[in-house]
C-alpha atoms as a PDB file:
ATOM      1  CA  UNK A   1     124.737 105.982  26.604  1.00  0.00           C
ATOM      2  CA  UNK A   2     126.642 105.522  28.864  1.00  0.00           C
ATOM      3  CA  UNK A   3     126.383 102.985  32.358  1.00  0.00           C
ATOM      4  CA  UNK A   4     128.136 100.760  34.644  1.00  0.00           C
ATOM      5  CA  UNK A   5     128.106  97.634  37.674  1.00  0.00           C
ATOM      6  CA  UNK A   6     130.553  97.237  39.691  1.00  0.00           C
ATOM      7  CA  UNK A   7     131.227  95.128  42.647  1.00  0.00           C
ATOM      8  CA  UNK A   8     131.743  96.217  46.081  1.00  0.00           C
ATOM      9  CA  UNK A   9     133.497  94.695  49.422  1.00  0.00           C
ATOM     10  CA  UNK A  10     131.856  94.915  52.571  1.00  0.00           C
ATOM     11  CA  UNK A  11     133.841  95.418  55.421  1.00  0.00           C
ATOM     12  CA  UNK A  12     133.121  95.903  59.197  1.00  0.00           C
ATOM     13  CA  UNK A  13     134.126  98.193  61.865  1.00  0.00           C
ATOM     14  CA  UNK A  14     137.228  97.062  62.395  1.00  0.00           C
ATOM     15  CA  UNK A  15     138.565  96.852  58.375  1.00  0.00           C
ATOM     16  CA  UNK A  16     137.634  92.291  58.418  1.00  0.00           C
ATOM     17  CA  UNK A  17     135.774  91.604  54.741  1.00  0.00           C
ATOM     18  CA  UNK A  18     132.597  90.471  55.419  1.00  0.00           C
ATOM     19  CA  UNK A  19     131.146  87.625  53.236  1.00  0.00           C
ATOM     20  CA  UNK A  20     127.288  88.420  52.124  1.00  0.00           C
ATOM     21  CA  UNK A  21     126.048  85.497  53.842  1.00  0.00           C
ATOM     22  CA  UNK A  22     124.960  82.255  52.099  1.00  0.00           C
ATOM     23  CA  UNK A  23     121.697  83.100  54.239  1.00  0.00           C
ATOM     24  CA  UNK A  24     121.067  86.992  53.195  1.00  0.00           C
ATOM     25  CA  UNK A  25     118.472  86.788  49.841  1.00  0.00           C
ATOM     26  CA  UNK A  26     119.732  90.255  48.410  1.00  0.00           C
ATOM     27  CA  UNK A  27     118.385  89.032  44.974  1.00  0.00           C
ATOM     28  CA  UNK A  28     121.356  87.163  42.388  1.00  0.00           C
ATOM     29  CA  UNK A  29     123.046  87.688  39.059  1.00  0.00           C
ATOM     30  CA  UNK A  30     119.499  85.882  37.626  1.00  0.00           C
ATOM     31  CA  UNK A  31     116.946  86.377  40.540  1.00  0.00           C
ATOM     32  CA  UNK A  32     115.401  89.414  41.992  1.00  0.00           C
ATOM     33  CA  UNK A  33     117.352  92.402  42.515  1.00  0.00           C
ATOM     34  CA  UNK A  34     117.051  94.915  45.211  1.00  0.00           C
ATOM     35  CA  UNK A  35     115.742  98.007  43.884  1.00  0.00           C
ATOM     36  CA  UNK A  36     117.200 101.410  44.870  1.00  0.00           C
ATOM     37  CA  UNK A  37     117.194 104.990  45.093  1.00  0.00           C
ATOM     38  CA  UNK A  38     118.634 105.622  40.806  1.00  0.00           C
ATOM     39  CA  UNK A  39     119.867 101.731  40.202  1.00  0.00           C
ATOM     40  CA  UNK A  40     119.628  98.246  41.751  1.00  0.00           C
ATOM     41  CA  UNK A  41     121.524  95.901  43.859  1.00  0.00           C
ATOM     42  CA  UNK A  42     122.351  91.593  44.778  1.00  0.00           C
ATOM     43  CA  UNK A  43     124.345  89.441  45.325  1.00  0.00           C
ATOM     44  CA  UNK A  44     127.853  88.790  43.233  1.00  0.00           C
ATOM     45  CA  UNK A  45     129.361  85.960  44.659  1.00  0.00           C
ATOM     46  CA  UNK A  46     130.430  87.158  48.216  1.00  0.00           C
ATOM     47  CA  UNK A  47     130.355  90.668  47.514  1.00  0.00           C
ATOM     48  CA  UNK A  48     127.889  93.145  46.724  1.00  0.00           C
ATOM     49  CA  UNK A  49     126.989  94.424  43.221  1.00  0.00           C
ATOM     50  CA  UNK A  50     125.463  97.321  42.552  1.00  0.00           C
ATOM     51  CA  UNK A  51     124.376  98.863  38.769  1.00  0.00           C
ATOM     52  CA  UNK A  52     123.113 102.247  38.662  1.00  0.00           C
ATOM     53  CA  UNK A  53     120.782 103.227  35.918  1.00  0.00           C
ATOM     54  CA  UNK A  54     122.121 104.609  32.475  1.00  0.00           C
ATOM     55  CA  UNK A  55     122.857 108.066  31.402  1.00  0.00           C
ATOM     56  CA  UNK A  56     124.213 109.848  28.524  1.00  0.00           C
ATOM     57  CA  UNK A  57     125.275 112.421  31.021  1.00  0.00           C
ATOM     58  CA  UNK A  58     128.543 111.609  33.497  1.00  0.00           C
ATOM     59  CA  UNK A  59     127.825 114.032  36.139  1.00  0.00           C
ATOM     60  CA  UNK A  60     124.270 112.404  36.384  1.00  0.00           C
ATOM     61  CA  UNK A  61     126.116 108.860  36.083  1.00  0.00           C
ATOM     62  CA  UNK A  62     128.498 110.001  38.742  1.00  0.00           C
ATOM     63  CA  UNK A  63     126.268 111.399  40.929  1.00  0.00           C
ATOM     64  CA  UNK A  64     123.948 108.239  40.846  1.00  0.00           C
ATOM     65  CA  UNK A  65     127.005 105.453  41.435  1.00  0.00           C
ATOM     66  CA  UNK A  66     128.114 107.458  44.496  1.00  0.00           C
ATOM     67  CA  UNK A  67     124.661 108.058  46.467  1.00  0.00           C
ATOM     68  CA  UNK A  68     123.728 103.690  45.254  1.00  0.00           C
ATOM     69  CA  UNK A  69     127.226 103.431  46.956  1.00  0.00           C
ATOM     70  CA  UNK A  70     125.859 105.259  50.286  1.00  0.00           C
ATOM     71  CA  UNK A  71     122.412 103.727  49.847  1.00  0.00           C
ATOM     72  CA  UNK A  72     123.609 100.044  49.474  1.00  0.00           C
ATOM     73  CA  UNK A  73     126.023 100.555  53.244  1.00  0.00           C
ATOM     74  CA  UNK A  74     123.200 101.289  55.049  1.00  0.00           C
ATOM     75  CA  UNK A  75     121.088  98.708  53.453  1.00  0.00           C
ATOM     76  CA  UNK A  76     123.490  95.839  54.208  1.00  0.00           C
ATOM     77  CA  UNK A  77     124.653  97.106  57.934  1.00  0.00           C
ATOM     78  CA  UNK A  78     120.879  97.098  58.445  1.00  0.00           C
ATOM     79  CA  UNK A  79     120.366  93.772  57.054  1.00  0.00           C
ATOM     80  CA  UNK A  80     123.821  92.178  58.578  1.00  0.00           C
ATOM     81  CA  UNK A  81     122.338  93.680  62.027  1.00  0.00           C
ATOM     82  CA  UNK A  82     126.282  95.490  62.029  1.00  0.00           C
ATOM     83  CA  UNK A  83     127.929  98.652  60.799  1.00  0.00           C
ATOM     84  CA  UNK A  84     129.248  97.668  57.450  1.00  0.00           C
ATOM     85  CA  UNK A  85     130.968 100.081  55.070  1.00  0.00           C
ATOM     86  CA  UNK A  86     131.673  98.963  51.266  1.00  0.00           C
ATOM     87  CA  UNK A  87     134.870  99.203  49.981  1.00  0.00           C
ATOM     88  CA  UNK A  88     136.319  99.731  46.690  1.00  0.00           C
ATOM     89  CA  UNK A  89     138.811  97.272  46.419  1.00  0.00           C
ATOM     90  CA  UNK A  90     140.110  95.402  43.608  1.00  0.00           C
ATOM     91  CA  UNK A  91     141.290  92.438  45.195  1.00  0.00           C
ATOM     92  CA  UNK A  92     140.468  90.802  48.809  1.00  0.00           C
ATOM     93  CA  UNK A  93     141.703  87.810  49.858  1.00  0.00           C
ATOM     94  CA  UNK A  94     139.214  85.882  52.148  1.00  0.00           C
ATOM     95  CA  UNK A  95     139.869  83.492  54.950  1.00  0.00           C
ATOM     96  CA  UNK A  96     139.224  79.446  53.556  1.00  0.00           C
ATOM     97  CA  UNK A  97     136.368  79.338  55.646  1.00  0.00           C
ATOM     98  CA  UNK A  98     133.992  83.084  54.788  1.00  0.00           C
ATOM     99  CA  UNK A  99     133.746  80.482  51.457  1.00  0.00           C
ATOM    100  CA  UNK A 100     132.085  77.632  51.946  1.00  0.00           C
ATOM    101  CA  UNK A 101     128.658  77.650  50.750  1.00  0.00           C
ATOM    102  CA  UNK A 102     127.347  78.058  46.857  1.00  0.00           C
ATOM    103  CA  UNK A 103     127.374  81.277  46.201  1.00  0.00           C
ATOM    104  CA  UNK A 104     131.588  81.456  47.226  1.00  0.00           C
ATOM    105  CA  UNK A 105     132.221  78.524  43.938  1.00  0.00           C
ATOM    106  CA  UNK A 106     130.114  81.055  41.608  1.00  0.00           C
ATOM    107  CA  UNK A 107     131.939  82.920  39.755  1.00  0.00           C
ATOM    108  CA  UNK A 108     131.531  84.131  36.273  1.00  0.00           C
ATOM    109  CA  UNK A 109     128.257  83.961  34.111  1.00  0.00           C
ATOM    110  CA  UNK A 110     128.766  84.505  30.608  1.00  0.00           C
ATOM    111  CA  UNK A 111     131.799  83.999  28.092  1.00  0.00           C
ATOM    112  CA  UNK A 112     134.025  86.727  28.085  1.00  0.00           C
ATOM    113  CA  UNK A 113     136.164  87.887  24.474  1.00  0.00           C
ATOM    114  CA  UNK A 114     139.527  89.640  24.774  1.00  0.00           C
ATOM    115  CA  UNK A 115     140.437  91.613  21.909  1.00  0.00           C
ATOM    116  CA  UNK A 116     144.281  92.526  21.400  1.00  0.00           C
ATOM    117  CA  UNK A 117     145.717  94.197  18.351  1.00  0.00           C
ATOM    118  CA  UNK A 118     143.027  93.904  16.157  1.00  0.00           C
ATOM    119  CA  UNK A 119     142.218  90.219  16.976  1.00  0.00           C
ATOM    120  CA  UNK A 120     139.668  89.198  19.344  1.00  0.00           C
ATOM    121  CA  UNK A 121     139.526  85.687  21.343  1.00  0.00           C
ATOM    122  CA  UNK A 122     136.820  84.030  23.171  1.00  0.00           C
ATOM    123  CA  UNK A 123     137.783  83.052  26.311  1.00  0.00           C
ATOM    124  CA  UNK A 124     135.781  80.480  29.240  1.00  0.00           C
ATOM    125  CA  UNK A 125     134.532  81.918  32.364  1.00  0.00           C
ATOM    126  CA  UNK A 126     136.852  81.663  35.233  1.00  0.00           C
ATOM    127  CA  UNK A 127     135.786  79.469  38.540  1.00  0.00           C
ATOM    128  CA  UNK A 128     136.609  79.299  41.620  1.00  0.00           C
ATOM    129  CA  UNK A 129     139.464  76.493  41.684  1.00  0.00           C
ATOM    130  CA  UNK A 130     141.144  78.848  39.233  1.00  0.00           C
ATOM    131  CA  UNK A 131     141.111  82.258  42.456  1.00  0.00           C
ATOM    132  CA  UNK A 132     141.472  80.362  45.035  1.00  0.00           C
ATOM    133  CA  UNK A 133     140.583  82.623  47.847  1.00  0.00           C
ATOM    134  CA  UNK A 134     140.905  86.088  45.854  1.00  0.00           C
ATOM    135  CA  UNK A 135     137.671  88.417  44.975  1.00  0.00           C
ATOM    136  CA  UNK A 136     138.125  90.837  43.009  1.00  0.00           C
ATOM    137  CA  UNK A 137     136.121  93.982  42.783  1.00  0.00           C
ATOM    138  CA  UNK A 138     134.965  94.670  38.956  1.00  0.00           C
ATOM    139  CA  UNK A 139     134.240  98.535  38.278  1.00  0.00           C
ATOM    140  CA  UNK A 140     132.624  98.375  34.223  1.00  0.00           C
ATOM    141  CA  UNK A 141     131.887 100.822  32.056  1.00  0.00           C
ATOM    142  CA  UNK A 142     128.763  99.924  29.555  1.00  0.00           C
ATOM    143  CA  UNK A 143     128.793 102.072  25.933  1.00  0.00           C
ATOM    144  CA  UNK A 144     126.080 101.609  23.709  1.00  0.00           C
ATOM    145  CA  UNK A 145     127.378 103.079  20.065  1.00  0.00           C
ATOM    146  CA  UNK A 146     125.853 100.811  17.308  1.00  0.00           C
ATOM    147  CA  UNK A 147     128.250 101.392  14.713  1.00  0.00           C
ATOM    148  CA  UNK A 148     129.532  98.655  14.207  1.00  0.00           C
ATOM    149  CA  UNK A 149     129.747  99.191   9.764  1.00  0.00           C
ATOM    150  CA  UNK A 150     132.371 102.068  10.841  1.00  0.00           C
ATOM    151  CA  UNK A 151     133.888 101.282  13.833  1.00  0.00           C
ATOM    152  CA  UNK A 152     134.411  97.047  14.350  1.00  0.00           C
ATOM    153  CA  UNK A 153     134.522  95.821  17.852  1.00  0.00           C
ATOM    154  CA  UNK A 154     138.192  95.815  18.450  1.00  0.00           C
ATOM    155  CA  UNK A 155     138.993  98.869  17.667  1.00  0.00           C
ATOM    156  CA  UNK A 156     135.651 100.088  19.873  1.00  0.00           C
ATOM    157  CA  UNK A 157     137.975  98.380  22.671  1.00  0.00           C
ATOM    158  CA  UNK A 158     141.316  99.470  21.910  1.00  0.00           C
ATOM    159  CA  UNK A 159     140.063 102.751  23.010  1.00  0.00           C
ATOM    160  CA  UNK A 160     138.316 102.170  26.191  1.00  0.00           C
ATOM    161  CA  UNK A 161     141.880 100.455  26.337  1.00  0.00           C
ATOM    162  CA  UNK A 162     143.150 104.105  25.719  1.00  0.00           C
ATOM    163  CA  UNK A 163     141.114 106.162  28.049  1.00  0.00           C
ATOM    164  CA  UNK A 164     139.153 104.251  30.128  1.00  0.00           C
ATOM    165  CA  UNK A 165     142.429 101.547  31.229  1.00  0.00           C
ATOM    166  CA  UNK A 166     144.957 103.579  30.727  1.00  0.00           C
ATOM    167  CA  UNK A 167     142.998 106.548  33.168  1.00  0.00           C
ATOM    168  CA  UNK A 168     142.253 103.152  35.865  1.00  0.00           C
ATOM    169  CA  UNK A 169     146.288 103.526  36.392  1.00  0.00           C
ATOM    170  CA  UNK A 170     146.575 107.002  36.859  1.00  0.00           C
ATOM    171  CA  UNK A 171     144.308 105.968  40.367  1.00  0.00           C
ATOM    172  CA  UNK A 172     146.548 102.985  41.886  1.00  0.00           C
ATOM    173  CA  UNK A 173     147.271  99.404  41.645  1.00  0.00           C
ATOM    174  CA  UNK A 174     144.856  96.656  40.783  1.00  0.00           C
ATOM    175  CA  UNK A 175     146.979  93.667  42.325  1.00  0.00           C
ATOM    176  CA  UNK A 176     146.338  90.909  41.814  1.00  0.00           C
ATOM    177  CA  UNK A 177     142.849  91.518  39.593  1.00  0.00           C
ATOM    178  CA  UNK A 178     145.643  92.016  36.798  1.00  0.00           C
ATOM    179  CA  UNK A 179     145.654  88.885  35.795  1.00  0.00           C
ATOM    180  CA  UNK A 180     142.416  87.285  36.010  1.00  0.00           C
ATOM    181  CA  UNK A 181     140.152  90.066  34.795  1.00  0.00           C
ATOM    182  CA  UNK A 182     142.707  93.157  34.498  1.00  0.00           C
ATOM    183  CA  UNK A 183     144.580  92.751  30.721  1.00  0.00           C
ATOM    184  CA  UNK A 184     143.803  95.140  28.132  1.00  0.00           C
ATOM    185  CA  UNK A 185     140.936  94.190  25.510  1.00  0.00           C
ATOM    186  CA  UNK A 186     138.760  92.552  28.295  1.00  0.00           C
ATOM    187  CA  UNK A 187     134.959  93.019  26.367  1.00  0.00           C
ATOM    188  CA  UNK A 188     131.253  91.615  26.002  1.00  0.00           C
ATOM    189  CA  UNK A 189     129.534  92.460  23.157  1.00  0.00           C
ATOM    190  CA  UNK A 190     125.835  93.786  24.217  1.00  0.00           C
ATOM    191  CA  UNK A 191     122.430  94.878  22.978  1.00  0.00           C
ATOM    192  CA  UNK A 192     121.174  98.118  24.486  1.00  0.00           C
ATOM    193  CA  UNK A 193     117.732  97.663  23.525  1.00  0.00           C
ATOM    194  CA  UNK A 194     117.947  97.709  19.962  1.00  0.00           C
ATOM    195  CA  UNK A 195     122.167  99.401  19.919  1.00  0.00           C
ATOM    196  CA  UNK A 196     124.735  97.616  19.724  1.00  0.00           C
ATOM    197  CA  UNK A 197     128.007  98.089  22.436  1.00  0.00           C
ATOM    198  CA  UNK A 198     130.743  96.655  24.517  1.00  0.00           C
ATOM    199  CA  UNK A 199     130.711  95.987  28.543  1.00  0.00           C
ATOM    200  CA  UNK A 200     134.633  97.243  28.540  1.00  0.00           C
ATOM    201  CA  UNK A 201     135.555  94.966  31.553  1.00  0.00           C
ATOM    202  CA  UNK A 202     139.310  95.863  31.960  1.00  0.00           C
ATOM    203  CA  UNK A 203     138.629  97.988  34.806  1.00  0.00           C
ATOM    204  CA  UNK A 204     138.443  97.399  38.660  1.00  0.00           C
ATOM    205  CA  UNK A 205     136.061  99.870  40.688  1.00  0.00           C
ATOM    206  CA  UNK A 206     138.965 101.976  42.058  1.00  0.00           C
ATOM    207  CA  UNK A 207     137.516 104.255  39.851  1.00  0.00           C
ATOM    208  CA  UNK A 208     134.318 104.645  41.748  1.00  0.00           C
ATOM    209  CA  UNK A 209     136.468 105.903  45.450  1.00  0.00           C
ATOM    210  CA  UNK A 210     135.535 109.128  45.475  1.00  0.00           C
ATOM    211  CA  UNK A 211     132.541 110.890  43.169  1.00  0.00           C
ATOM    212  CA  UNK A 212     135.888 112.783  41.356  1.00  0.00           C
ATOM    213  CA  UNK A 213     137.400 109.946  40.323  1.00  0.00           C
ATOM    214  CA  UNK A 214     133.608 108.328  39.162  1.00  0.00           C
ATOM    215  CA  UNK A 215     133.023 112.178  37.525  1.00  0.00           C
ATOM    216  CA  UNK A 216     136.726 112.002  35.609  1.00  0.00           C
ATOM    217  CA  UNK A 217     136.265 107.927  34.521  1.00  0.00           C
ATOM    218  CA  UNK A 218     132.784 108.268  33.332  1.00  0.00           C
ATOM    219  CA  UNK A 219     133.801 111.821  31.433  1.00  0.00           C
ATOM    220  CA  UNK A 220     135.594 109.825  29.726  1.00  0.00           C
ATOM    221  CA  UNK A 221     133.862 106.717  28.762  1.00  0.00           C
ATOM    222  CA  UNK A 222     131.229 109.546  27.227  1.00  0.00           C
ATOM    223  CA  UNK A 223     134.147 110.801  25.649  1.00  0.00           C
ATOM    224  CA  UNK A 224     134.194 107.027  24.112  1.00  0.00           C
ATOM    225  CA  UNK A 225     130.713 107.288  23.547  1.00  0.00           C
ATOM    226  CA  UNK A 226     130.834 110.714  21.616  1.00  0.00           C
ATOM    227  CA  UNK A 227     134.481 109.273  19.008  1.00  0.00           C
ATOM    228  CA  UNK A 228     132.192 106.205  18.211  1.00  0.00           C
ATOM    229  CA  UNK A 229     128.967 107.350  17.139  1.00  0.00           C
ATOM    230  CA  UNK A 230     130.342 110.996  15.503  1.00  0.00           C
ATOM    231  CA  UNK A 231     134.458 111.328  15.285  1.00  0.00           C
ATOM    232  CA  UNK A 232     135.883 111.087  12.479  1.00  0.00           C
ATOM    233  CA  UNK A 233     136.549 108.031  11.370  1.00  0.00           C
ATOM    234  CA  UNK A 234     140.022 108.706   9.874  1.00  0.00           C
ATOM    235  CA  UNK A 235     141.278 110.601  12.822  1.00  0.00           C
ATOM    236  CA  UNK A 236     139.845 107.722  15.333  1.00  0.00           C
ATOM    237  CA  UNK A 237     142.324 105.385  13.008  1.00  0.00           C
ATOM    238  CA  UNK A 238     145.297 107.328  13.495  1.00  0.00           C
ATOM    239  CA  UNK A 239     144.532 108.515  17.393  1.00  0.00           C
ATOM    240  CA  UNK A 240     144.348 104.813  17.656  1.00  0.00           C
ATOM    241  CA  UNK A 241     148.056 104.251  15.653  1.00  0.00           C
ATOM    242  CA  UNK A 242     149.624 106.382  17.484  1.00  0.00           C
ATOM    243  CA  UNK A 243     148.202 105.835  20.880  1.00  0.00           C
ATOM    244  CA  UNK A 244     147.248 101.859  21.296  1.00  0.00           C
ATOM    245  CA  UNK A 245     150.793 100.375  20.460  1.00  0.00           C
ATOM    246  CA  UNK A 246     151.681 102.120  23.658  1.00  0.00           C
ATOM    247  CA  UNK A 247     149.250 100.457  25.519  1.00  0.00           C
ATOM    248  CA  UNK A 248     149.408  97.197  23.456  1.00  0.00           C
ATOM    249  CA  UNK A 249     152.901  96.720  23.197  1.00  0.00           C
ATOM    250  CA  UNK A 250     154.224  98.025  26.546  1.00  0.00           C
ATOM    251  CA  UNK A 251     151.914  95.717  28.249  1.00  0.00           C
ATOM    252  CA  UNK A 252     150.497  99.362  30.084  1.00  0.00           C
ATOM    253  CA  UNK A 253     147.782  96.941  32.043  1.00  0.00           C
ATOM    254  CA  UNK A 254     151.085  95.041  33.336  1.00  0.00           C
ATOM    255  CA  UNK A 255     153.499  97.312  34.320  1.00  0.00           C
ATOM    256  CA  UNK A 256     150.773  99.664  36.110  1.00  0.00           C
ATOM    257  CA  UNK A 257     153.235 102.782  34.458  1.00  0.00           C
ATOM    258  CA  UNK A 258     151.205 106.013  36.104  1.00  0.00           C
ATOM    259  CA  UNK A 259     153.649 108.473  33.750  1.00  0.00           C
ATOM    260  CA  UNK A 260     153.394 105.895  31.110  1.00  0.00           C
ATOM    261  CA  UNK A 261     149.540 106.189  30.910  1.00  0.00           C
ATOM    262  CA  UNK A 262     149.410 109.640  31.877  1.00  0.00           C
ATOM    263  CA  UNK A 263     151.794 110.080  28.120  1.00  0.00           C
ATOM    264  CA  UNK A 264     149.239 108.069  26.609  1.00  0.00           C
ATOM    265  CA  UNK A 265     146.264 110.107  27.852  1.00  0.00           C
ATOM    266  CA  UNK A 266     147.900 113.158  27.189  1.00  0.00           C
ATOM    267  CA  UNK A 267     148.840 112.522  23.641  1.00  0.00           C
ATOM    268  CA  UNK A 268     144.698 111.079  22.974  1.00  0.00           C
ATOM    269  CA  UNK A 269     143.439 114.361  24.779  1.00  0.00           C
ATOM    270  CA  UNK A 270     145.923 116.223  22.155  1.00  0.00           C
ATOM    271  CA  UNK A 271     144.919 114.138  19.412  1.00  0.00           C
ATOM    272  CA  UNK A 272     140.459 114.141  19.913  1.00  0.00           C
ATOM    273  CA  UNK A 273     141.180 117.896  20.973  1.00  0.00           C
ATOM    274  CA  UNK A 274     136.719 117.990  20.208  1.00  0.00           C
ATOM    275  CA  UNK A 275     135.788 115.861  23.349  1.00  0.00           C
ATOM    276  CA  UNK A 276     137.441 116.872  27.267  1.00  0.00           C
ATOM    277  CA  UNK A 277     139.013 113.596  28.283  1.00  0.00           C
ATOM    278  CA  UNK A 278     141.010 113.566  31.663  1.00  0.00           C
ATOM    279  CA  UNK A 279     144.793 112.558  32.262  1.00  0.00           C
ATOM    280  CA  UNK A 280     144.648 112.100  35.586  1.00  0.00           C
ATOM    281  CA  UNK A 281     142.132 109.796  37.587  1.00  0.00           C
ATOM    282  CA  UNK A 282     142.202 111.839  41.151  1.00  0.00           C
ATOM    283  CA  UNK A 283     144.137 115.544  41.305  1.00  0.00           C
ATOM    284  CA  UNK A 284     144.874 117.794  38.612  1.00  0.00           C
END
């Protein structure tokens, strides 16, 4: 199965960013969620977080993500009593006044981990002081695979860096989100029912800007899942040995070089030729 949770920003008809008002009850990370068709929504800081139901089919999940964006936009317009749109933007800077109240200070709920060059480093949640007036929109991707004896977690996350993190770079830049959340290898270990997996947290919400980009990212996520569960271990090691140094050694997530990202993805496509892999987030 693959899944996602992503955070988006509200903007009014003039294009100004709007925080979710403190008095508005649309649920929270640790409370009730608003149920929509195909998933749920709730408040996350000053943003709206959407959580589509997981699927084993990339097309179905991509359609679900785009549907939730439309439904949530209509819902929030009704609740706000004005027309608002939900924007997939990695980084938005708010006026100080918009960040008053306790919700705007709630950042991070669980510890993050960094899997880089085979090592795992624990990282405490960030706080509002570190972010200042910046807020970041994520596009986390969840992958269940459940075979840690075959594929250690750092290797699984490295494959996400190659097929997911690099793909996002071909579609745009994260801005200042990179220094807070967009470094390579950011993840959380997860258990989906009785199946182990990872939540890959490096990616922003850029890939949710259209159905095409959503489908391409989730197709690559499905490829990650397939390779972790069904792939040949020797091929997986060889592929990562060839591709991952180009991500880590060249600091791809820092430079956000789309041409380099495409080279990495094309190399991965050639090595893992038995799964469908996209090399561009949008276009051909």
